[in-house]
Amino acid sequence: MDQVQRIAYDNLKAAVTRFLAGSERDLSPRFRALASHYLFEPCFCRPRTGHDKGGVESRGKAIRLQHLVPIPSGDDLDAIWISF
């Protein structure tokens, strides 16, 4: 069974044409087509509330550190320090 993923966005002009009540947005036709094609549900941060965006950025940082930063290796600590 396919599961729809949620992606959190800041309120970018290319995606949002009009703000509605709460976190509801009127999406541009091209962005709506993109979400429909790739099967994701866009979730937008609330304007003027910093903790929404901070949570998104901290999750991105955690993913980067877990999957994209190489783990140093060497025979001893001196060998690791020399490689940097």
PDB file of N, CA and C in Angstrom:
ATOM      1  N   MET A   1       0.849  -1.172   0.000  1.00  0.00           N
ATOM      2  CA  MET A   1       0.000   0.000   0.000  1.00  0.00           C
ATOM      3  C   MET A   1       0.899   1.240   0.000  1.00  0.00           C
ATOM      4  N   ASP A   2       0.627   2.172  -0.879  1.00  0.00           N
ATOM      5  CA  ASP A   2       1.399   3.404  -0.953  1.00  0.00           C
ATOM      6  C   ASP A   2       0.966   4.354   0.152  1.00  0.00           C
ATOM      7  N   GLN A   3       1.945   5.013   0.727  1.00  0.00           N
ATOM      8  CA  GLN A   3       1.671   5.960   1.801  1.00  0.00           C
ATOM      9  C   GLN A   3       2.065   7.355   1.332  1.00  0.00           C
ATOM     10  N   VAL A   4       1.193   8.316   1.557  1.00  0.00           N
ATOM     11  CA  VAL A   4       1.472   9.697   1.175  1.00  0.00           C
ATOM     12  C   VAL A   4       2.404  10.303   2.220  1.00  0.00           C
ATOM     13  N   GLN A   5       3.502  10.877   1.778  1.00  0.00           N
ATOM     14  CA  GLN A   5       4.469  11.513   2.665  1.00  0.00           C
ATOM     15  C   GLN A   5       4.122  12.983   2.845  1.00  0.00           C
ATOM     16  N   ARG A   6       4.459  13.529   3.999  1.00  0.00           N
ATOM     17  CA  ARG A   6       4.254  14.953   4.259  1.00  0.00           C
ATOM     18  C   ARG A   6       5.595  15.647   4.180  1.00  0.00           C
ATOM     19  N   ILE A   7       5.628  16.778   3.512  1.00  0.00           N
ATOM     20  CA  ILE A   7       6.827  17.586   3.417  1.00  0.00           C
ATOM     21  C   ILE A   7       6.490  18.973   3.934  1.00  0.00           C
ATOM     22  N   ALA A   8       7.300  19.474   4.869  1.00  0.00           N
ATOM     23  CA  ALA A   8       7.065  20.797   5.455  1.00  0.00           C
ATOM     24  C   ALA A   8       7.791  21.857   4.641  1.00  0.00           C
ATOM     25  N   TYR A   9       7.093  22.919   4.326  1.00  0.00           N
ATOM     26  CA  TYR A   9       7.631  24.022   3.536  1.00  0.00           C
ATOM     27  C   TYR A   9       7.456  25.336   4.273  1.00  0.00           C
ATOM     28  N   ASP A  10       8.373  26.249   3.990  1.00  0.00           N
ATOM     29  CA  ASP A  10       8.152  27.623   4.357  1.00  0.00           C
ATOM     30  C   ASP A  10       7.147  28.152   3.324  1.00  0.00           C
ATOM     31  N   ASN A  11       6.577  29.293   3.506  1.00  0.00           N
ATOM     32  CA  ASN A  11       5.528  29.797   2.611  1.00  0.00           C
ATOM     33  C   ASN A  11       6.143  30.433   1.360  1.00  0.00           C
ATOM     34  N   LEU A  12       6.661  29.603   0.470  1.00  0.00           N
ATOM     35  CA  LEU A  12       7.299  30.112  -0.729  1.00  0.00           C
ATOM     36  C   LEU A  12       6.274  30.581  -1.752  1.00  0.00           C
ATOM     37  N   LYS A  13       6.595  31.653  -2.449  1.00  0.00           N
ATOM     38  CA  LYS A  13       5.658  32.259  -3.397  1.00  0.00           C
ATOM     39  C   LYS A  13       5.351  31.355  -4.581  1.00  0.00           C
ATOM     40  N   ALA A  14       6.274  30.480  -4.948  1.00  0.00           N
ATOM     41  CA  ALA A  14       6.039  29.584  -6.079  1.00  0.00           C
ATOM     42  C   ALA A  14       4.957  28.551  -5.778  1.00  0.00           C
ATOM     43  N   ALA A  15       4.692  28.293  -4.500  1.00  0.00           N
ATOM     44  CA  ALA A  15       3.712  27.279  -4.128  1.00  0.00           C
ATOM     45  C   ALA A  15       2.396  27.864  -3.633  1.00  0.00           C
ATOM     46  N   VAL A  16       2.450  28.956  -2.899  1.00  0.00           N
ATOM     47  CA  VAL A  16       1.257  29.512  -2.235  1.00  0.00           C
ATOM     48  C   VAL A  16       0.768  30.738  -2.987  1.00  0.00           C
ATOM     49  N   THR A  17      -0.484  30.708  -3.397  1.00  0.00           N
ATOM     50  CA  THR A  17      -1.063  31.884  -4.045  1.00  0.00           C
ATOM     51  C   THR A  17      -1.854  32.743  -3.066  1.00  0.00           C
ATOM     52  N   ARG A  18      -2.406  32.083  -1.987  1.00  0.00           N
ATOM     53  CA  ARG A  18      -3.207  32.828  -1.025  1.00  0.00           C
ATOM     54  C   ARG A  18      -3.232  32.080   0.301  1.00  0.00           C
ATOM     55  N   PHE A  19      -3.151  32.838   1.407  1.00  0.00           N
ATOM     56  CA  PHE A  19      -3.242  32.266   2.742  1.00  0.00           C
ATOM     57  C   PHE A  19      -4.707  32.140   3.127  1.00  0.00           C
ATOM     58  N   LEU A  20      -5.082  30.991   3.668  1.00  0.00           N
ATOM     59  CA  LEU A  20      -6.434  30.767   4.161  1.00  0.00           C
ATOM     60  C   LEU A  20      -6.360  30.652   5.688  1.00  0.00           C
ATOM     61  N   ALA A  21      -7.366  30.149   6.322  1.00  0.00           N
ATOM     62  CA  ALA A  21      -7.395  30.049   7.786  1.00  0.00           C
ATOM     63  C   ALA A  21      -6.375  29.019   8.280  1.00  0.00           C
ATOM     64  N   GLY A  22      -5.692  29.347   9.389  1.00  0.00           N
ATOM     65  CA  GLY A  22      -4.745  28.415  10.003  1.00  0.00           C
ATOM     66  C   GLY A  22      -3.567  28.108   9.099  1.00  0.00           C
ATOM     67  N   SER A  23      -3.307  26.833   8.907  1.00  0.00           N
ATOM     68  CA  SER A  23      -2.190  26.430   8.049  1.00  0.00           C
ATOM     69  C   SER A  23      -2.661  26.068   6.637  1.00  0.00           C
ATOM     70  N   GLU A  24      -3.908  26.336   6.324  1.00  0.00           N
ATOM     71  CA  GLU A  24      -4.436  26.052   4.988  1.00  0.00           C
ATOM     72  C   GLU A  24      -3.932  27.091   3.994  1.00  0.00           C
ATOM     73  N   ARG A  25      -3.610  26.635   2.790  1.00  0.00           N
ATOM     74  CA  ARG A  25      -3.099  27.507   1.741  1.00  0.00           C
ATOM     75  C   ARG A  25      -3.793  27.183   0.430  1.00  0.00           C
ATOM     76  N   ASP A  26      -3.957  28.195  -0.399  1.00  0.00           N
ATOM     77  CA  ASP A  26      -4.419  27.997  -1.765  1.00  0.00           C
ATOM     78  C   ASP A  26      -3.156  27.821  -2.602  1.00  0.00           C
ATOM     79  N   LEU A  27      -2.984  26.639  -3.181  1.00  0.00           N
ATOM     80  CA  LEU A  27      -1.751  26.307  -3.886  1.00  0.00           C
ATOM     81  C   LEU A  27      -1.813  26.724  -5.351  1.00  0.00           C
ATOM     82  N   SER A  28      -0.661  27.037  -5.894  1.00  0.00           N
ATOM     83  CA  SER A  28      -0.583  27.336  -7.321  1.00  0.00           C
ATOM     84  C   SER A  28      -0.835  26.039  -8.104  1.00  0.00           C
ATOM     85  N   PRO A  29      -1.374  26.134  -9.298  1.00  0.00           N
ATOM     86  CA  PRO A  29      -1.663  24.920 -10.072  1.00  0.00           C
ATOM     87  C   PRO A  29      -0.431  24.053 -10.339  1.00  0.00           C
ATOM     88  N   ARG A  30       0.711  24.668 -10.616  1.00  0.00           N
ATOM     89  CA  ARG A  30       1.926  23.888 -10.897  1.00  0.00           C
ATOM     90  C   ARG A  30       2.422  23.153  -9.658  1.00  0.00           C
ATOM     91  N   PHE A  31       2.342  23.802  -8.483  1.00  0.00           N
ATOM     92  CA  PHE A  31       2.776  23.143  -7.253  1.00  0.00           C
ATOM     93  C   PHE A  31       1.810  22.022  -6.880  1.00  0.00           C
ATOM     94  N   ARG A  32       0.529  22.234  -7.085  1.00  0.00           N
ATOM     95  CA  ARG A  32      -0.463  21.192  -6.832  1.00  0.00           C
ATOM     96  C   ARG A  32      -0.208  19.984  -7.735  1.00  0.00           C
ATOM     97  N   ALA A  33       0.147  20.237  -9.006  1.00  0.00           N
ATOM     98  CA  ALA A  33       0.469  19.143  -9.925  1.00  0.00           C
ATOM     99  C   ALA A  33       1.729  18.396  -9.481  1.00  0.00           C
ATOM    100  N   LEU A  34       2.727  19.135  -8.978  1.00  0.00           N
ATOM    101  CA  LEU A  34       3.955  18.524  -8.483  1.00  0.00           C
ATOM    102  C   LEU A  34       3.646  17.595  -7.304  1.00  0.00           C
ATOM    103  N   ALA A  35       2.861  18.085  -6.351  1.00  0.00           N
ATOM    104  CA  ALA A  35       2.507  17.274  -5.184  1.00  0.00           C
ATOM    105  C   ALA A  35       1.699  16.044  -5.582  1.00  0.00           C
ATOM    106  N   SER A  36       0.833  16.199  -6.552  1.00  0.00           N
ATOM    107  CA  SER A  36       0.026  15.080  -7.017  1.00  0.00           C
ATOM    108  C   SER A  36       0.886  14.045  -7.750  1.00  0.00           C
ATOM    109  N   HIS A  37       1.837  14.511  -8.540  1.00  0.00           N
ATOM    110  CA  HIS A  37       2.691  13.600  -9.297  1.00  0.00           C
ATOM    111  C   HIS A  37       3.607  12.785  -8.380  1.00  0.00           C
ATOM    112  N   TYR A  38       4.231  13.445  -7.403  1.00  0.00           N
ATOM    113  CA  TYR A  38       5.168  12.769  -6.514  1.00  0.00           C
ATOM    114  C   TYR A  38       4.512  12.242  -5.234  1.00  0.00           C
ATOM    115  N   LEU A  39       3.207  12.371  -5.122  1.00  0.00           N
ATOM    116  CA  LEU A  39       2.412  11.823  -4.024  1.00  0.00           C
ATOM    117  C   LEU A  39       2.910  12.267  -2.647  1.00  0.00           C
ATOM    118  N   PHE A  40       2.976  13.579  -2.453  1.00  0.00           N
ATOM    119  CA  PHE A  40       3.276  14.093  -1.131  1.00  0.00           C
ATOM    120  C   PHE A  40       2.243  15.140  -0.752  1.00  0.00           C
ATOM    121  N   GLU A  41       2.079  15.297   0.545  1.00  0.00           N
ATOM    122  CA  GLU A  41       1.152  16.292   1.075  1.00  0.00           C
ATOM    123  C   GLU A  41       1.970  17.481   1.579  1.00  0.00           C
ATOM    124  N   PRO A  42       1.829  18.635   0.954  1.00  0.00           N
ATOM    125  CA  PRO A  42       2.584  19.790   1.447  1.00  0.00           C
ATOM    126  C   PRO A  42       2.012  20.294   2.768  1.00  0.00           C
ATOM    127  N   CYS A  43       2.883  20.583   3.695  1.00  0.00           N
ATOM    128  CA  CYS A  43       2.516  21.104   5.004  1.00  0.00           C
ATOM    129  C   CYS A  43       3.285  22.404   5.174  1.00  0.00           C
ATOM    130  N   PHE A  44       2.591  23.512   5.394  1.00  0.00           N
ATOM    131  CA  PHE A  44       3.240  24.821   5.425  1.00  0.00           C
ATOM    132  C   PHE A  44       3.395  25.332   6.845  1.00  0.00           C
ATOM    133  N   CYS A  45       4.521  25.986   7.088  1.00  0.00           N
ATOM    134  CA  CYS A  45       4.782  26.606   8.384  1.00  0.00           C
ATOM    135  C   CYS A  45       3.870  27.812   8.564  1.00  0.00           C
ATOM    136  N   ARG A  46       3.562  28.110   9.804  1.00  0.00           N
ATOM    137  CA  ARG A  46       2.719  29.263  10.093  1.00  0.00           C
ATOM    138  C   ARG A  46       3.552  30.539  10.043  1.00  0.00           C
ATOM    139  N   PRO A  47       3.035  31.600   9.424  1.00  0.00           N
ATOM    140  CA  PRO A  47       3.791  32.855   9.365  1.00  0.00           C
ATOM    141  C   PRO A  47       4.040  33.431  10.759  1.00  0.00           C
ATOM    142  N   ARG A  48       5.219  33.999  10.931  1.00  0.00           N
ATOM    143  CA  ARG A  48       5.615  34.685  12.159  1.00  0.00           C
ATOM    144  C   ARG A  48       5.671  33.781  13.384  1.00  0.00           C
ATOM    145  N   THR A  49       5.878  32.488  13.188  1.00  0.00           N
ATOM    146  CA  THR A  49       6.111  31.570  14.303  1.00  0.00           C
ATOM    147  C   THR A  49       7.395  30.802  13.998  1.00  0.00           C
ATOM    148  N   GLY A  50       8.432  31.118  14.726  1.00  0.00           N
ATOM    149  CA  GLY A  50       9.752  30.566  14.429  1.00  0.00           C
ATOM    150  C   GLY A  50       9.933  29.101  14.766  1.00  0.00           C
ATOM    151  N   HIS A  51       9.148  28.561  15.694  1.00  0.00           N
ATOM    152  CA  HIS A  51       9.387  27.180  16.105  1.00  0.00           C
ATOM    153  C   HIS A  51       8.973  26.163  15.048  1.00  0.00           C
ATOM    154  N   ASP A  52       8.074  26.495  14.145  1.00  0.00           N
ATOM    155  CA  ASP A  52       7.715  25.567  13.069  1.00  0.00           C
ATOM    156  C   ASP A  52       8.911  25.317  12.165  1.00  0.00           C
ATOM    157  N   LYS A  53       9.501  26.383  11.692  1.00  0.00           N
ATOM    158  CA  LYS A  53      10.618  26.262  10.762  1.00  0.00           C
ATOM    159  C   LYS A  53      11.848  25.677  11.454  1.00  0.00           C
ATOM    160  N   GLY A  54      12.056  26.008  12.716  1.00  0.00           N
ATOM    161  CA  GLY A  54      13.194  25.468  13.444  1.00  0.00           C
ATOM    162  C   GLY A  54      13.157  23.956  13.559  1.00  0.00           C
ATOM    163  N   GLY A  55      11.970  23.409  13.752  1.00  0.00           N
ATOM    164  CA  GLY A  55      11.825  21.957  13.809  1.00  0.00           C
ATOM    165  C   GLY A  55      12.180  21.298  12.496  1.00  0.00           C
ATOM    166  N   VAL A  56      11.781  21.915  11.408  1.00  0.00           N
ATOM    167  CA  VAL A  56      12.101  21.392  10.078  1.00  0.00           C
ATOM    168  C   VAL A  56      13.604  21.436   9.854  1.00  0.00           C
ATOM    169  N   GLU A  57      14.232  22.551  10.221  1.00  0.00           N
ATOM    170  CA  GLU A  57      15.662  22.685  10.010  1.00  0.00           C
ATOM    171  C   GLU A  57      16.459  21.736  10.898  1.00  0.00           C
ATOM    172  N   SER A  58      16.002  21.486  12.120  1.00  0.00           N
ATOM    173  CA  SER A  58      16.734  20.557  12.984  1.00  0.00           C
ATOM    174  C   SER A  58      16.616  19.125  12.478  1.00  0.00           C
ATOM    175  N   ARG A  59      15.472  18.747  11.904  1.00  0.00           N
ATOM    176  CA  ARG A  59      15.357  17.412  11.313  1.00  0.00           C
ATOM    177  C   ARG A  59      16.272  17.276  10.104  1.00  0.00           C
ATOM    178  N   GLY A  60      16.378  18.338   9.316  1.00  0.00           N
ATOM    179  CA  GLY A  60      17.289  18.311   8.171  1.00  0.00           C
ATOM    180  C   GLY A  60      18.732  18.187   8.608  1.00  0.00           C
ATOM    181  N   LYS A  61      19.092  18.871   9.679  1.00  0.00           N
ATOM    182  CA  LYS A  61      20.456  18.793  10.209  1.00  0.00           C
ATOM    183  C   LYS A  61      20.741  17.382  10.705  1.00  0.00           C
ATOM    184  N   ALA A  62      19.787  16.770  11.395  1.00  0.00           N
ATOM    185  CA  ALA A  62      19.984  15.414  11.906  1.00  0.00           C
ATOM    186  C   ALA A  62      20.172  14.421  10.765  1.00  0.00           C
ATOM    187  N   ILE A  63      19.389  14.557   9.714  1.00  0.00           N
ATOM    188  CA  ILE A  63      19.528  13.660   8.558  1.00  0.00           C
ATOM    189  C   ILE A  63      20.891  13.843   7.904  1.00  0.00           C
ATOM    190  N   ARG A  64      21.318  15.101   7.770  1.00  0.00           N
ATOM    191  CA  ARG A  64      22.626  15.374   7.167  1.00  0.00           C
ATOM    192  C   ARG A  64      23.744  14.743   7.996  1.00  0.00           C
ATOM    193  N   LEU A  65      23.682  14.910   9.318  1.00  0.00           N
ATOM    194  CA  LEU A  65      24.731  14.351  10.171  1.00  0.00           C
ATOM    195  C   LEU A  65      24.719  12.824  10.176  1.00  0.00           C
ATOM    196  N   GLN A  66      23.545  12.217  10.122  1.00  0.00           N
ATOM    197  CA  GLN A  66      23.452  10.756  10.177  1.00  0.00           C
ATOM    198  C   GLN A  66      23.858  10.090   8.875  1.00  0.00           C
ATOM    199  N   HIS A  67      23.568  10.717   7.732  1.00  0.00           N
ATOM    200  CA  HIS A  67      23.732  10.019   6.465  1.00  0.00           C
ATOM    201  C   HIS A  67      24.770  10.616   5.522  1.00  0.00           C
ATOM    202  N   LEU A  68      25.131  11.871   5.692  1.00  0.00           N
ATOM    203  CA  LEU A  68      25.992  12.510   4.707  1.00  0.00           C
ATOM    204  C   LEU A  68      27.376  12.888   5.226  1.00  0.00           C
ATOM    205  N   VAL A  69      27.592  12.852   6.529  1.00  0.00           N
ATOM    206  CA  VAL A  69      28.897  13.201   7.089  1.00  0.00           C
ATOM    207  C   VAL A  69      29.696  11.918   7.282  1.00  0.00           C
ATOM    208  N   PRO A  70      30.868  11.813   6.652  1.00  0.00           N
ATOM    209  CA  PRO A  70      31.640  10.565   6.778  1.00  0.00           C
ATOM    210  C   PRO A  70      32.197  10.389   8.193  1.00  0.00           C
ATOM    211  N   ILE A  71      32.295   9.135   8.607  1.00  0.00           N
ATOM    212  CA  ILE A  71      32.860   8.810   9.909  1.00  0.00           C
ATOM    213  C   ILE A  71      34.362   8.628   9.724  1.00  0.00           C
ATOM    214  N   PRO A  72      35.161   9.404  10.450  1.00  0.00           N
ATOM    215  CA  PRO A  72      36.609   9.269  10.303  1.00  0.00           C
ATOM    216  C   PRO A  72      37.086   7.903  10.795  1.00  0.00           C
ATOM    217  N   SER A  73      38.084   7.361  10.132  1.00  0.00           N
ATOM    218  CA  SER A  73      38.637   6.077  10.553  1.00  0.00           C
ATOM    219  C   SER A  73      40.152   6.121  10.433  1.00  0.00           C
ATOM    220  N   GLY A  74      40.804   5.357  11.244  1.00  0.00           N
ATOM    221  CA  GLY A  74      42.255   5.265  11.228  1.00  0.00           C
ATOM    222  C   GLY A  74      42.722   4.311  12.303  1.00  0.00           C
ATOM    223  N   ASP A  75      44.025   4.011  12.288  1.00  0.00           N
ATOM    224  CA  ASP A  75      44.580   3.077  13.264  1.00  0.00           C
ATOM    225  C   ASP A  75      44.584   3.653  14.673  1.00  0.00           C
ATOM    226  N   ASP A  76      44.846   4.959  14.789  1.00  0.00           N
ATOM    227  CA  ASP A  76      44.833   5.611  16.086  1.00  0.00           C
ATOM    228  C   ASP A  76      44.400   7.067  15.907  1.00  0.00           C
ATOM    229  N   LEU A  77      44.282   7.785  16.993  1.00  0.00           N
ATOM    230  CA  LEU A  77      43.800   9.165  16.947  1.00  0.00           C
ATOM    231  C   LEU A  77      44.734  10.068  16.146  1.00  0.00           C
ATOM    232  N   ASP A  78      46.035   9.835  16.230  1.00  0.00           N
ATOM    233  CA  ASP A  78      46.982  10.656  15.463  1.00  0.00           C
ATOM    234  C   ASP A  78      46.769  10.486  13.955  1.00  0.00           C
ATOM    235  N   ALA A  79      46.481   9.288  13.516  1.00  0.00           N
ATOM    236  CA  ALA A  79      46.238   9.050  12.081  1.00  0.00           C
ATOM    237  C   ALA A  79      44.970   9.762  11.613  1.00  0.00           C
ATOM    238  N   ILE A  80      43.980   9.820  12.484  1.00  0.00           N
ATOM    239  CA  ILE A  80      42.742  10.516  12.131  1.00  0.00           C
ATOM    240  C   ILE A  80      42.994  12.010  12.035  1.00  0.00           C
ATOM    241  N   TRP A  81      43.745  12.572  12.983  1.00  0.00           N
ATOM    242  CA  TRP A  81      44.029  14.017  12.978  1.00  0.00           C
ATOM    243  C   TRP A  81      44.853  14.430  11.762  1.00  0.00           C
ATOM    244  N   ILE A  82      45.752  13.578  11.319  1.00  0.00           N
ATOM    245  CA  ILE A  82      46.592  13.910  10.158  1.00  0.00           C
ATOM    246  C   ILE A  82      45.741  13.971   8.898  1.00  0.00           C
ATOM    247  N   SER A  83      44.691  13.122   8.820  1.00  0.00           N
ATOM    248  CA  SER A  83      43.849  13.114   7.614  1.00  0.00           C
ATOM    249  C   SER A  83      43.037  14.385   7.467  1.00  0.00           C
ATOM    250  N   PHE A  84      42.832  15.145   8.548  1.00  0.00           N
ATOM    251  CA  PHE A  84      42.084  16.397   8.454  1.00  0.00           C
ATOM    252  C   PHE A  84      43.055  17.490   8.144  1.00  0.00           C
TER     253      PHE A  84
END
